[in-house]
């Protein structure tokens, strides 16, 4: 239990750091849809997040967590 929890926590910390540095996330995108003819104000604003970056970040976190767990288990069996 302790090994799994610490592996998950370490994976989250290292995975978020690696994802931030490697995936080059630029923030959410704001799309303006049309403009009002009278005032020139946008009719609709759509803010979206990049799902690909989110999914790849999640996979990096999961991969690093599993890697930490496997290394830890190997080192415990070896000693």
Protein backbone atom coordinates (compact mmCIF):
# COMPACT_ATOMS: atom_id res chain seq x y z
CA UNK A 1 0.00 0.00 0.00
CA UNK A 2 2.72 2.44 0.99
CA UNK A 3 4.81 1.55 -2.07
CA UNK A 4 1.87 2.11 -4.43
CA UNK A 5 0.88 5.42 -2.88
CA UNK A 6 4.40 6.82 -2.94
CA UNK A 7 4.88 5.58 -6.52
CA UNK A 8 1.67 7.32 -7.56
CA UNK A 9 2.61 10.54 -5.80
CA UNK A 10 6.11 10.49 -7.32
CA UNK A 11 4.63 9.74 -10.74
CA UNK A 12 2.26 12.68 -10.47
CA UNK A 13 5.03 15.08 -9.45
CA UNK A 14 7.56 13.90 -12.04
CA UNK A 15 4.90 13.32 -14.72
CA UNK A 16 3.47 16.82 -14.43
CA UNK A 17 6.98 18.28 -14.61
CA UNK A 18 7.93 16.19 -17.66
CA UNK A 19 4.57 16.91 -19.34
CA UNK A 20 4.93 20.64 -18.78
CA UNK A 21 8.44 20.70 -20.21
CA UNK A 22 8.06 18.18 -23.03
CA UNK A 23 4.56 18.80 -24.41
CA UNK A 24 4.85 22.60 -24.77
CA UNK A 25 1.32 23.43 -23.62
CA UNK A 26 0.40 26.99 -24.54
CA UNK A 27 -2.85 27.32 -22.58
CA UNK A 28 -6.48 27.20 -23.56
CA UNK A 29 -7.69 28.63 -26.86
CA UNK A 30 -10.34 31.33 -27.12
CA UNK A 31 -12.31 31.30 -30.38
CA UNK A 32 -14.56 34.23 -31.27
CA UNK A 33 -17.59 33.27 -33.35
CA UNK A 34 -19.02 36.12 -35.42
CA UNK A 35 -19.45 39.78 -34.58
CA UNK A 36 -22.48 41.94 -33.94
CA UNK A 37 -23.08 44.38 -36.83
CA UNK A 38 -24.07 47.28 -34.56
CA UNK A 39 -21.61 47.19 -31.66
CA UNK A 40 -18.85 45.00 -33.14
CA UNK A 41 -18.90 42.78 -30.04
CA UNK A 42 -18.38 39.03 -30.48
CA UNK A 43 -21.61 37.02 -30.60
CA UNK A 44 -20.12 33.95 -28.93
CA UNK A 45 -16.80 33.14 -27.26
CA UNK A 46 -15.72 29.51 -27.05
CA UNK A 47 -12.88 28.53 -24.73
CA UNK A 48 -11.40 25.09 -25.28
CA UNK A 49 -8.62 23.00 -23.82
CA UNK A 50 -6.30 20.79 -25.85
CA UNK A 51 -7.48 17.24 -25.10
CA UNK A 52 -4.42 15.68 -26.79
CA UNK A 53 -2.07 17.41 -24.36
CA UNK A 54 -4.26 16.40 -21.43
CA UNK A 55 -4.35 12.74 -22.50
CA UNK A 56 -0.63 12.58 -23.26
CA UNK A 57 0.13 14.16 -19.88
CA UNK A 58 -2.03 11.54 -18.17
CA UNK A 59 -0.21 8.74 -20.00
CA UNK A 60 3.16 10.20 -18.99
CA UNK A 61 2.06 10.36 -15.33
CA UNK A 62 0.78 6.77 -15.43
CA UNK A 63 3.93 5.54 -17.16
CA UNK A 64 6.26 7.20 -14.67
CA UNK A 65 4.19 5.89 -11.75
CA UNK A 66 4.38 2.32 -13.06
CA UNK A 67 8.10 2.72 -13.74
CA UNK A 68 8.77 3.92 -10.18
CA UNK A 69 6.72 1.02 -8.76
CA UNK A 70 8.53 -1.58 -10.86
CA UNK A 71 11.98 -0.24 -9.99
CA UNK A 72 11.05 -0.16 -6.31
CA UNK A 73 9.71 -3.74 -6.40
CA UNK A 74 12.84 -4.93 -8.19
CA UNK A 75 15.11 -3.28 -5.64
CA UNK A 76 13.13 -4.79 -2.75
CA UNK A 77 13.41 -8.30 -4.20
CA UNK A 78 17.10 -7.86 -4.87
CA UNK A 79 17.96 -6.91 -1.28
